[in-house]
Amino acid sequence: MSTPSKLASLAMLQALSNYLDQGGPNASLVFYDDVKPESVNIAVNDSAKLLTLTFPKPCLSSIEADYVELQPSNAGVVVKASTPIWARLFNAAGDAVVDVDVGDGADITLDNYVFAVGASIKLDAIYLSPI
């Protein structure tokens, strides 16, 4: 597979952030504690849901030389105590966009990987980097 230039990759990430805003009120990121599906076209196991975070509109905060930054998420409340394994990003219309791994050195790195029921969590910094 060919790799696009950094500028082209940043333009694609900007387009992705615009796509996240399309549809309903807010894009969201949902964390799960089971095995990540092979495709976003596979339905999720709702009993594995830990936390849902929503993003303000517009999602895009800034375009930098090496990444695109999204707005900080709104706070969400943990509904199940566990450790997140993966997360699914949905656009504002509720369409699945991408599944990402959660953990040290993964797609999403968190300060704490133990979610306690009732805890309030938000993401202050969200960077999308070109491949």
N, C-alpha and C. Protein backbone atom coordinates (compact mmCIF):
# COMPACT_ATOMS: atom_id res chain seq x y z
N MET A 1 0.85 -1.18 0.00
CA MET A 1 0.00 0.00 0.00
C MET A 1 0.89 1.24 0.00
N SER A 2 0.53 2.21 -0.75
CA SER A 2 1.26 3.47 -0.80
C SER A 2 0.89 4.34 0.39
N THR A 3 1.86 5.10 0.86
CA THR A 3 1.64 6.00 1.99
C THR A 3 1.55 7.43 1.46
N PRO A 4 0.46 8.14 1.78
CA PRO A 4 0.33 9.52 1.30
C PRO A 4 1.31 10.44 2.02
N SER A 5 1.52 11.61 1.47
CA SER A 5 2.39 12.60 2.10
C SER A 5 1.79 13.04 3.44
N LYS A 6 2.62 13.66 4.28
CA LYS A 6 2.14 14.14 5.57
C LYS A 6 1.04 15.17 5.39
N LEU A 7 1.21 16.09 4.41
CA LEU A 7 0.17 17.11 4.18
C LEU A 7 -1.14 16.48 3.73
N ALA A 8 -1.05 15.47 2.86
CA ALA A 8 -2.26 14.78 2.41
C ALA A 8 -2.91 14.04 3.58
N SER A 9 -2.09 13.41 4.43
CA SER A 9 -2.61 12.70 5.60
C SER A 9 -3.31 13.66 6.56
N LEU A 10 -2.73 14.83 6.77
CA LEU A 10 -3.36 15.83 7.64
C LEU A 10 -4.68 16.31 7.06
N ALA A 11 -4.74 16.48 5.75
CA ALA A 11 -5.99 16.89 5.09
C ALA A 11 -7.06 15.81 5.27
N MET A 12 -6.65 14.53 5.19
CA MET A 12 -7.60 13.44 5.40
C MET A 12 -8.10 13.42 6.84
N LEU A 13 -7.21 13.70 7.80
CA LEU A 13 -7.63 13.75 9.20
C LEU A 13 -8.57 14.92 9.46
N GLN A 14 -8.34 16.05 8.79
CA GLN A 14 -9.25 17.18 8.91
C GLN A 14 -10.62 16.80 8.35
N ALA A 15 -10.63 16.11 7.22
CA ALA A 15 -11.91 15.65 6.64
C ALA A 15 -12.60 14.68 7.59
N LEU A 16 -11.82 13.82 8.25
CA LEU A 16 -12.40 12.88 9.22
C LEU A 16 -13.06 13.65 10.36
N SER A 17 -12.40 14.68 10.86
CA SER A 17 -13.00 15.45 11.95
C SER A 17 -14.30 16.12 11.50
N ASN A 18 -14.36 16.56 10.26
CA ASN A 18 -15.60 17.14 9.72
C ASN A 18 -16.69 16.07 9.61
N TYR A 19 -16.30 14.86 9.21
CA TYR A 19 -17.24 13.74 9.11
C TYR A 19 -17.80 13.38 10.49
N LEU A 20 -16.98 13.49 11.52
CA LEU A 20 -17.44 13.19 12.88
C LEU A 20 -18.59 14.10 13.30
N ASP A 21 -18.60 15.33 12.81
CA ASP A 21 -19.64 16.29 13.18
C ASP A 21 -20.96 16.09 12.43
N GLN A 22 -20.97 15.31 11.38
CA GLN A 22 -22.17 15.16 10.56
C GLN A 22 -23.22 14.32 11.27
N GLY A 23 -24.48 14.75 11.16
CA GLY A 23 -25.58 13.98 11.71
C GLY A 23 -26.18 14.62 12.93
N GLY A 24 -26.36 13.82 13.96
CA GLY A 24 -27.03 14.25 15.18
C GLY A 24 -26.23 15.22 16.02
N PRO A 25 -26.47 15.20 17.33
CA PRO A 25 -25.88 16.21 18.20
C PRO A 25 -24.37 16.09 18.42
N ASN A 26 -23.84 14.89 18.67
CA ASN A 26 -22.43 14.78 19.03
C ASN A 26 -21.80 13.47 18.56
N ALA A 27 -20.53 13.55 18.17
CA ALA A 27 -19.74 12.34 17.94
C ALA A 27 -19.44 11.74 19.32
N SER A 28 -19.13 10.44 19.36
CA SER A 28 -18.86 9.81 20.64
C SER A 28 -17.76 8.77 20.51
N LEU A 29 -17.16 8.47 21.64
CA LEU A 29 -16.14 7.44 21.76
C LEU A 29 -16.59 6.52 22.89
N VAL A 30 -16.79 5.24 22.57
CA VAL A 30 -17.30 4.29 23.54
C VAL A 30 -16.22 3.25 23.84
N PHE A 31 -15.96 3.04 25.12
CA PHE A 31 -14.93 2.10 25.58
C PHE A 31 -15.58 0.76 25.96
N TYR A 32 -14.88 -0.34 25.62
CA TYR A 32 -15.37 -1.70 25.88
C TYR A 32 -14.27 -2.54 26.52
N ASP A 33 -14.68 -3.63 27.21
CA ASP A 33 -13.72 -4.50 27.87
C ASP A 33 -13.66 -5.91 27.29
N ASP A 34 -14.21 -6.12 26.11
CA ASP A 34 -14.15 -7.44 25.49
C ASP A 34 -13.20 -7.41 24.29
N VAL A 35 -13.24 -8.44 23.47
CA VAL A 35 -12.37 -8.52 22.30
C VAL A 35 -12.86 -7.57 21.22
N LYS A 36 -11.94 -6.83 20.62
CA LYS A 36 -12.29 -5.88 19.56
C LYS A 36 -12.75 -6.66 18.32
N PRO A 37 -13.89 -6.27 17.74
CA PRO A 37 -14.36 -6.93 16.52
C PRO A 37 -13.37 -6.73 15.36
N GLU A 38 -13.45 -7.59 14.39
CA GLU A 38 -12.56 -7.50 13.22
C GLU A 38 -12.91 -6.33 12.31
N SER A 39 -14.11 -5.77 12.47
CA SER A 39 -14.56 -4.69 11.59
C SER A 39 -15.57 -3.82 12.32
N VAL A 40 -15.66 -2.55 11.92
CA VAL A 40 -16.68 -1.67 12.49
C VAL A 40 -18.08 -2.07 12.04
N ASN A 41 -18.16 -2.96 11.07
CA ASN A 41 -19.46 -3.44 10.59
C ASN A 41 -20.03 -4.54 11.48
N ILE A 42 -19.26 -5.02 12.45
CA ILE A 42 -19.72 -6.04 13.38
C ILE A 42 -20.29 -5.34 14.61
N ALA A 43 -21.49 -5.74 14.98
CA ALA A 43 -22.16 -5.12 16.13
C ALA A 43 -21.35 -5.36 17.41
N VAL A 44 -21.44 -4.41 18.32
CA VAL A 44 -20.74 -4.51 19.59
C VAL A 44 -21.57 -5.27 20.62
N ASN A 45 -20.91 -5.79 21.62
CA ASN A 45 -21.55 -6.45 22.74
C ASN A 45 -21.87 -5.37 23.77
N ASP A 46 -23.11 -4.96 23.87
CA ASP A 46 -23.48 -3.86 24.77
C ASP A 46 -23.16 -4.14 26.23
N SER A 47 -23.09 -5.43 26.63
CA SER A 47 -22.76 -5.74 28.03
C SER A 47 -21.28 -5.46 28.33
N ALA A 48 -20.47 -5.22 27.30
CA ALA A 48 -19.05 -4.91 27.48
C ALA A 48 -18.78 -3.41 27.53
N LYS A 49 -19.83 -2.59 27.40
CA LYS A 49 -19.66 -1.13 27.39
C LYS A 49 -19.30 -0.63 28.78
N LEU A 50 -18.26 0.22 28.82
CA LEU A 50 -17.79 0.78 30.08
C LEU A 50 -18.09 2.27 30.22
N LEU A 51 -17.92 3.00 29.13
CA LEU A 51 -17.96 4.46 29.21
C LEU A 51 -18.25 5.04 27.83
N THR A 52 -19.06 6.07 27.78
CA THR A 52 -19.31 6.82 26.55
C THR A 52 -18.91 8.27 26.78
N LEU A 53 -18.03 8.75 25.89
CA LEU A 53 -17.63 10.16 25.92
C LEU A 53 -18.17 10.82 24.66
N THR A 54 -18.64 12.04 24.78
CA THR A 54 -19.12 12.79 23.62
C THR A 54 -18.18 13.97 23.37
N PHE A 55 -18.23 14.47 22.14
CA PHE A 55 -17.38 15.58 21.73
C PHE A 55 -18.24 16.78 21.36
N PRO A 56 -17.76 17.98 21.68
CA PRO A 56 -18.48 19.18 21.26
C PRO A 56 -18.39 19.35 19.75
N LYS A 57 -19.31 20.13 19.21
CA LYS A 57 -19.25 20.49 17.79
C LYS A 57 -18.71 21.90 17.68
N PRO A 58 -17.81 22.18 16.83
CA PRO A 58 -17.11 21.23 15.97
C PRO A 58 -16.08 20.44 16.78
N CYS A 59 -15.79 19.21 16.33
CA CYS A 59 -14.79 18.36 16.99
C CYS A 59 -13.38 18.92 16.82
N LEU A 60 -13.12 19.50 15.68
CA LEU A 60 -11.77 19.96 15.36
C LEU A 60 -11.38 21.17 16.21
N SER A 61 -10.21 21.07 16.84
CA SER A 61 -9.67 22.18 17.60
C SER A 61 -8.61 22.92 16.80
N SER A 62 -7.64 22.16 16.26
CA SER A 62 -6.58 22.81 15.48
C SER A 62 -5.88 21.80 14.57
N ILE A 63 -5.23 22.34 13.55
CA ILE A 63 -4.41 21.54 12.64
C ILE A 63 -2.98 21.99 12.84
N GLU A 64 -2.15 21.08 13.29
CA GLU A 64 -0.75 21.38 13.56
C GLU A 64 0.12 20.75 12.48
N ALA A 65 1.42 20.96 12.55
CA ALA A 65 2.34 20.45 11.52
C ALA A 65 2.39 18.93 11.48
N ASP A 66 2.16 18.26 12.63
CA ASP A 66 2.30 16.81 12.69
C ASP A 66 1.05 16.07 13.14
N TYR A 67 -0.03 16.78 13.44
CA TYR A 67 -1.24 16.12 13.92
C TYR A 67 -2.43 17.06 13.82
N VAL A 68 -3.61 16.48 14.00
CA VAL A 68 -4.86 17.23 14.11
C VAL A 68 -5.33 17.06 15.55
N GLU A 69 -5.71 18.14 16.19
CA GLU A 69 -6.19 18.06 17.57
C GLU A 69 -7.70 18.23 17.61
N LEU A 70 -8.36 17.35 18.35
CA LEU A 70 -9.80 17.46 18.56
C LEU A 70 -10.06 18.22 19.86
N GLN A 71 -11.27 18.74 19.99
CA GLN A 71 -11.68 19.39 21.22
C GLN A 71 -11.67 18.37 22.36
N PRO A 72 -11.43 18.78 23.60
CA PRO A 72 -11.55 17.84 24.72
C PRO A 72 -12.96 17.26 24.76
N SER A 73 -13.05 16.02 25.20
CA SER A 73 -14.37 15.39 25.29
C SER A 73 -15.15 15.96 26.46
N ASN A 74 -16.46 15.74 26.44
CA ASN A 74 -17.28 16.03 27.60
C ASN A 74 -17.06 14.89 28.60
N ALA A 75 -17.33 15.13 29.87
CA ALA A 75 -17.17 14.08 30.88
C ALA A 75 -18.25 13.03 30.71
N GLY A 76 -17.86 11.77 30.90
CA GLY A 76 -18.80 10.66 30.89
C GLY A 76 -18.69 9.91 32.20
N VAL A 77 -19.71 9.13 32.53
CA VAL A 77 -19.73 8.37 33.77
C VAL A 77 -19.56 6.89 33.46
N VAL A 78 -18.63 6.25 34.15
CA VAL A 78 -18.36 4.82 33.96
C VAL A 78 -19.58 4.02 34.44
N VAL A 79 -20.06 3.10 33.60
CA VAL A 79 -21.24 2.30 33.93
C VAL A 79 -20.90 0.88 34.34
N LYS A 80 -19.63 0.48 34.18
CA LYS A 80 -19.21 -0.88 34.53
C LYS A 80 -17.74 -0.83 34.93
N ALA A 81 -17.41 -1.41 36.08
CA ALA A 81 -16.02 -1.43 36.54
C ALA A 81 -15.24 -2.47 35.75
N SER A 82 -14.15 -2.03 35.13
CA SER A 82 -13.32 -2.95 34.35
C SER A 82 -12.15 -2.17 33.78
N THR A 83 -11.39 -2.85 32.93
CA THR A 83 -10.27 -2.24 32.22
C THR A 83 -10.62 -2.16 30.74
N PRO A 84 -10.57 -0.99 30.13
CA PRO A 84 -10.90 -0.89 28.71
C PRO A 84 -9.83 -1.57 27.84
N ILE A 85 -10.30 -2.29 26.83
CA ILE A 85 -9.43 -3.00 25.89
C ILE A 85 -9.40 -2.27 24.55
N TRP A 86 -10.56 -1.74 24.16
CA TRP A 86 -10.68 -1.06 22.87
C TRP A 86 -11.80 -0.05 22.96
N ALA A 87 -11.89 0.81 21.93
CA ALA A 87 -12.95 1.82 21.87
C ALA A 87 -13.41 1.97 20.42
N ARG A 88 -14.67 2.34 20.26
CA ARG A 88 -15.23 2.59 18.93
C ARG A 88 -15.63 4.06 18.85
N LEU A 89 -15.20 4.71 17.78
CA LEU A 89 -15.53 6.10 17.52
C LEU A 89 -16.75 6.14 16.60
N PHE A 90 -17.76 6.91 16.99
CA PHE A 90 -18.98 7.08 16.21
C PHE A 90 -19.10 8.54 15.79
N ASN A 91 -19.62 8.78 14.57
CA ASN A 91 -19.88 10.17 14.20
C ASN A 91 -21.18 10.62 14.86
N ALA A 92 -21.55 11.87 14.67
CA ALA A 92 -22.73 12.42 15.33
C ALA A 92 -24.03 11.75 14.90
N ALA A 93 -24.02 11.09 13.74
CA ALA A 93 -25.20 10.35 13.28
C ALA A 93 -25.27 8.96 13.88
N GLY A 94 -24.23 8.57 14.64
CA GLY A 94 -24.22 7.24 15.25
C GLY A 94 -23.59 6.17 14.38
N ASP A 95 -22.97 6.57 13.27
CA ASP A 95 -22.30 5.61 12.38
C ASP A 95 -20.92 5.29 12.94
N ALA A 96 -20.57 4.00 12.99
CA ALA A 96 -19.25 3.59 13.45
C ALA A 96 -18.20 4.08 12.47
N VAL A 97 -17.11 4.64 12.98
CA VAL A 97 -16.06 5.22 12.16
C VAL A 97 -14.79 4.37 12.21
N VAL A 98 -14.34 4.06 13.42
CA VAL A 98 -13.10 3.29 13.57
C VAL A 98 -13.07 2.65 14.96
N ASP A 99 -12.44 1.47 15.03
CA ASP A 99 -12.18 0.81 16.30
C ASP A 99 -10.70 0.97 16.61
N VAL A 100 -10.38 1.29 17.86
CA VAL A 100 -8.99 1.53 18.26
C VAL A 100 -8.66 0.76 19.52
N ASP A 101 -7.40 0.39 19.65
CA ASP A 101 -6.92 -0.30 20.84
C ASP A 101 -6.65 0.71 21.95
N VAL A 102 -6.82 0.25 23.19
CA VAL A 102 -6.58 1.09 24.36
C VAL A 102 -5.49 0.43 25.20
N GLY A 103 -4.50 1.20 25.59
CA GLY A 103 -3.43 0.68 26.46
C GLY A 103 -2.13 1.40 26.19
N ASP A 104 -1.14 1.13 27.03
CA ASP A 104 0.17 1.75 26.85
C ASP A 104 0.72 1.38 25.47
N GLY A 105 1.11 2.40 24.72
CA GLY A 105 1.66 2.16 23.38
C GLY A 105 0.61 1.84 22.33
N ALA A 106 -0.66 1.89 22.68
CA ALA A 106 -1.76 1.59 21.75
C ALA A 106 -2.26 2.88 21.12
N ASP A 107 -3.40 2.79 20.43
CA ASP A 107 -3.99 3.96 19.77
C ASP A 107 -4.42 5.03 20.78
N ILE A 108 -4.97 4.58 21.91
CA ILE A 108 -5.41 5.49 22.97
C ILE A 108 -4.61 5.16 24.23
N THR A 109 -3.95 6.17 24.76
CA THR A 109 -3.21 6.03 26.01
C THR A 109 -3.93 6.85 27.07
N LEU A 110 -4.20 6.22 28.20
CA LEU A 110 -4.92 6.87 29.30
C LEU A 110 -4.01 7.00 30.52
N ASP A 111 -4.36 7.91 31.42
CA ASP A 111 -3.62 8.05 32.68
C ASP A 111 -3.90 6.86 33.61
N ASN A 112 -5.12 6.33 33.54
CA ASN A 112 -5.53 5.24 34.43
C ASN A 112 -6.36 4.26 33.62
N TYR A 113 -6.03 2.97 33.72
CA TYR A 113 -6.74 1.95 32.96
C TYR A 113 -7.73 1.15 33.79
N VAL A 114 -7.94 1.54 35.02
CA VAL A 114 -8.92 0.87 35.86
C VAL A 114 -10.12 1.81 35.99
N PHE A 115 -11.24 1.42 35.40
CA PHE A 115 -12.45 2.23 35.46
C PHE A 115 -13.31 1.75 36.63
N ALA A 116 -13.71 2.67 37.49
CA ALA A 116 -14.58 2.37 38.63
C ALA A 116 -15.99 2.88 38.32
N VAL A 117 -16.99 2.08 38.66
CA VAL A 117 -18.38 2.47 38.43
C VAL A 117 -18.66 3.82 39.08
N GLY A 118 -19.28 4.72 38.32
CA GLY A 118 -19.66 6.03 38.81
C GLY A 118 -18.58 7.08 38.66
N ALA A 119 -17.36 6.68 38.26
CA ALA A 119 -16.29 7.65 38.07
C ALA A 119 -16.60 8.53 36.87
N SER A 120 -16.22 9.79 36.97
CA SER A 120 -16.38 10.74 35.87
C SER A 120 -15.04 10.84 35.14
N ILE A 121 -15.06 10.61 33.83
CA ILE A 121 -13.84 10.60 33.03
C ILE A 121 -14.05 11.48 31.81
N LYS A 122 -12.96 12.19 31.42
CA LYS A 122 -12.98 12.95 30.17
C LYS A 122 -11.59 12.91 29.58
N LEU A 123 -11.50 13.17 28.30
CA LEU A 123 -10.20 13.25 27.61
C LEU A 123 -9.90 14.71 27.37
N ASP A 124 -8.78 15.17 27.90
CA ASP A 124 -8.39 16.57 27.74
C ASP A 124 -7.62 16.82 26.47
N ALA A 125 -6.89 15.82 25.99
CA ALA A 125 -6.07 15.97 24.79
C ALA A 125 -6.32 14.80 23.85
N ILE A 126 -6.72 15.11 22.63
CA ILE A 126 -7.00 14.09 21.63
C ILE A 126 -6.30 14.49 20.35
N TYR A 127 -5.29 13.71 19.98
CA TYR A 127 -4.49 13.99 18.80
C TYR A 127 -4.67 12.87 17.80
N LEU A 128 -4.93 13.23 16.56
CA LEU A 128 -4.98 12.27 15.45
C LEU A 128 -3.73 12.51 14.63
N SER A 129 -2.90 11.48 14.52
CA SER A 129 -1.62 11.60 13.81
C SER A 129 -1.65 10.81 12.52
N PRO A 130 -0.98 11.32 11.48
CA PRO A 130 -0.89 10.55 10.23
C PRO A 130 -0.14 9.24 10.47
N ILE A 131 -0.43 8.29 9.65
CA ILE A 131 0.25 6.98 9.74
C ILE A 131 1.65 7.11 9.20
